[in-house]
Structure formats: C-alpha cells, structure tokens
C-alpha cells in the first residue's frame, strides 16, 4: 500500500497566528485529517511543522499511543508526501540550500523521523489546487 500525505501550514501575518493540516490517503480514500493551531509562527515554520507532525504520527514508536491508528500499518510499502511549499520540498530533497539554522534543525528532525519510520519516503511539490483539502483547512485559522 502507498500512503499519500498532503500537508499545509499557514500563518496570518508572518509571523502570526498559525496552524497546520495533514491529510492522509490510502487506496485513494481519505483516512485521516489532523488540524491544529501552533501559536505564533512564520509560514515556513508552519509548513515544516506540518510535515514533522505527519511523520511523528507515522512513527512506529508512537503507533500505540496515537489517537490515529493506521489500519494495516505493516502493509505500507511507501510514503508519498505532498506540499504546495516549493521551498520546503526542495530543501528537504536537498535541491535548495538551507541557510536558516531553525530550518536546519527541522530537517534534522525530519531525517531522524525518516530513519525511525524506515520506509521509502518521497517528497513532491504540488500546485495549491492539488492540495485544496489541506489548504482550505489551514486557512480556517
């Protein structure tokens, strides 16, 4: 099974009140949505925090304590992450340089979570229209 994850993070003001959204799909069906306020943050912080939260939810260490349980978690063969943040996707993929120390910390957290999840994970940038479910929810801050 391929698990598809769409993430989005947004801020009203930059920085300002921010929220994150994660939408999980399996076999073409939406199986879980997570939406939370993260306090005051920048748009970039919110985008990274959304991805980190998605990977934390998937971390096998926490599967027993998560409110969200992925049915047949052991059947997942690949994870595909999608975001409309061109900057974040390209930084995570190593295509863009990371000059900001906070962003470097986020990427280190992501790398650690990738190792713990221990499945192939890909990252793709999609137009906002293809991330409409997450985008519409994140704008409800």
Protein backbone atom coordinates (compact mmCIF):
# COMPACT_ATOMS: atom_id res chain seq x y z
CA UNK A 1 0.00 0.00 0.00
CA UNK A 2 1.13 3.53 -0.79
CA UNK A 3 0.26 6.11 1.86
CA UNK A 4 -0.18 9.62 0.49
CA UNK A 5 0.14 12.57 2.84
CA UNK A 6 -0.79 16.14 1.99
CA UNK A 7 0.48 18.79 4.39
CA UNK A 8 0.00 22.52 4.66
CA UNK A 9 0.95 25.20 7.12
CA UNK A 10 -0.12 28.79 7.20
CA UNK A 11 0.22 31.99 9.11
CA UNK A 12 -1.99 35.07 9.31
CA UNK A 13 0.78 37.59 9.30
CA UNK A 14 4.35 36.49 9.02
CA UNK A 15 4.85 35.70 11.85
CA UNK A 16 1.34 35.46 13.18
CA UNK A 17 -1.28 33.00 14.43
CA UNK A 18 -0.57 29.76 12.59
CA UNK A 19 -1.98 26.34 12.01
CA UNK A 20 -1.07 23.08 10.33
CA UNK A 21 -3.09 20.48 8.44
CA UNK A 22 -2.27 16.91 7.47
CA UNK A 23 -4.49 14.74 5.28
CA UNK A 24 -3.74 11.01 4.88
CA UNK A 25 -4.95 8.94 1.92
CA UNK A 26 -4.71 5.18 1.41
CA UNK A 27 -6.05 3.37 -1.64
CA UNK A 28 -7.41 6.69 -2.93
CA UNK A 29 -9.55 7.28 0.17
CA UNK A 30 -9.12 9.93 2.83
CA UNK A 31 -8.44 8.03 6.04
CA UNK A 32 -7.47 10.76 8.50
CA UNK A 33 -7.22 14.54 8.84
CA UNK A 34 -5.28 16.37 11.53
CA UNK A 35 -5.66 20.13 12.07
CA UNK A 36 -4.18 22.15 14.90
CA UNK A 37 -3.19 25.65 15.87
CA UNK A 38 0.54 26.01 16.56
CA UNK A 39 0.58 29.52 18.03
CA UNK A 40 2.68 32.31 16.55
CA UNK A 41 4.93 31.18 13.70
CA UNK A 42 6.10 32.10 10.22
CA UNK A 43 4.69 30.47 7.08
CA UNK A 44 7.91 28.46 6.64
CA UNK A 45 7.82 27.27 10.26
CA UNK A 46 4.21 26.16 9.81
CA UNK A 47 5.00 24.25 6.60
CA UNK A 48 7.85 22.37 8.29
CA UNK A 49 5.87 21.72 11.47
CA UNK A 50 3.07 20.19 9.40
CA UNK A 51 5.49 17.75 7.75
CA UNK A 52 7.16 16.93 11.06
CA UNK A 53 3.77 16.27 12.71
CA UNK A 54 2.79 13.97 9.83
CA UNK A 55 5.99 11.94 10.26
CA UNK A 56 5.53 11.86 14.05
CA UNK A 57 2.04 10.44 13.59
CA UNK A 58 3.52 7.72 11.38
CA UNK A 59 6.39 6.92 13.72
CA UNK A 60 6.01 3.26 14.74
CA UNK A 61 7.24 4.16 18.25
CA UNK A 62 4.05 6.10 18.82
CA UNK A 63 1.51 4.00 16.91
CA UNK A 64 0.12 2.50 20.12
CA UNK A 65 -0.29 5.89 21.82
CA UNK A 66 -1.56 7.87 18.80
CA UNK A 67 -5.25 8.68 18.63
CA UNK A 68 -4.90 7.86 14.95
CA UNK A 69 -4.17 4.26 14.11
CA UNK A 70 -3.35 3.43 10.51
CA UNK A 71 -5.19 0.25 9.63
CA UNK A 72 -2.73 -2.36 8.38
CA UNK A 73 0.27 -0.11 9.09
CA UNK A 74 2.53 -3.06 8.32
CA UNK A 75 1.11 -3.11 4.75
CA UNK A 76 2.54 0.32 3.94
CA UNK A 77 5.33 -0.08 1.40
CA UNK A 78 5.91 3.57 0.50
CA UNK A 79 5.01 7.05 1.75
CA UNK A 80 4.48 9.94 -0.64
CA UNK A 81 4.41 13.43 0.92
CA UNK A 82 2.90 16.37 -0.95
CA UNK A 83 3.04 20.07 -0.14
CA UNK A 84 2.43 23.28 -2.05
CA UNK A 85 5.58 24.76 -0.44
CA UNK A 86 8.19 24.72 -3.19
CA UNK A 87 10.85 25.97 -0.79
CA UNK A 88 10.26 23.29 1.85
CA UNK A 89 10.03 20.41 -0.60
CA UNK A 90 13.22 21.41 -2.39
CA UNK A 91 15.09 21.98 0.88
CA UNK A 92 14.01 18.57 2.22
CA UNK A 93 15.05 16.95 -1.06
CA UNK A 94 18.45 18.68 -0.83
CA UNK A 95 17.94 20.69 -4.02
CA UNK A 96 17.90 24.11 -2.30
CA UNK A 97 20.48 25.30 0.22
CA UNK A 98 19.39 25.76 3.81
CA UNK A 99 20.83 28.93 5.32
CA UNK A 100 18.48 29.31 8.30
CA UNK A 101 19.54 27.47 11.48
CA UNK A 102 15.95 26.81 12.55
CA UNK A 103 15.21 25.17 9.18
CA UNK A 104 18.38 23.07 9.54
CA UNK A 105 17.01 21.83 12.88
CA UNK A 106 13.69 20.95 11.25
CA UNK A 107 15.49 18.96 8.54
CA UNK A 108 17.48 17.07 11.17
CA UNK A 109 14.23 16.18 12.94
CA UNK A 110 12.77 15.02 9.61
CA UNK A 111 15.83 12.85 8.89
CA UNK A 112 15.57 11.24 12.32
CA UNK A 113 11.87 10.51 11.82
CA UNK A 114 12.57 9.06 8.37
CA UNK A 115 15.04 6.63 9.92
CA UNK A 116 12.58 5.59 12.61
CA UNK A 117 9.77 5.06 10.09
CA UNK A 118 12.18 3.06 7.91
CA UNK A 119 10.11 3.12 4.72
CA UNK A 120 10.78 4.81 1.38
CA UNK A 121 9.52 8.39 1.61
CA UNK A 122 9.27 10.76 -1.34
CA UNK A 123 8.53 14.49 -1.32
CA UNK A 124 6.74 16.35 -4.10
CA UNK A 125 5.62 19.91 -4.57
CA UNK A 126 2.10 20.27 -5.93
CA UNK A 127 0.12 23.31 -7.02
CA UNK A 128 -2.16 24.73 -4.34
CA UNK A 129 -5.19 23.46 -6.30
CA UNK A 130 -3.96 19.87 -5.86
CA UNK A 131 -3.62 20.46 -2.12
CA UNK A 132 -7.07 22.02 -1.78
CA UNK A 133 -8.33 19.93 1.16
CA UNK A 134 -5.35 20.85 3.35
CA UNK A 135 -5.19 24.40 2.02
CA UNK A 136 -8.84 25.12 2.79
CA UNK A 137 -8.49 23.80 6.34
CA UNK A 138 -5.28 25.69 7.14
CA UNK A 139 -6.97 28.95 6.13
CA UNK A 140 -9.60 28.45 8.85
CA UNK A 141 -7.15 29.76 11.48
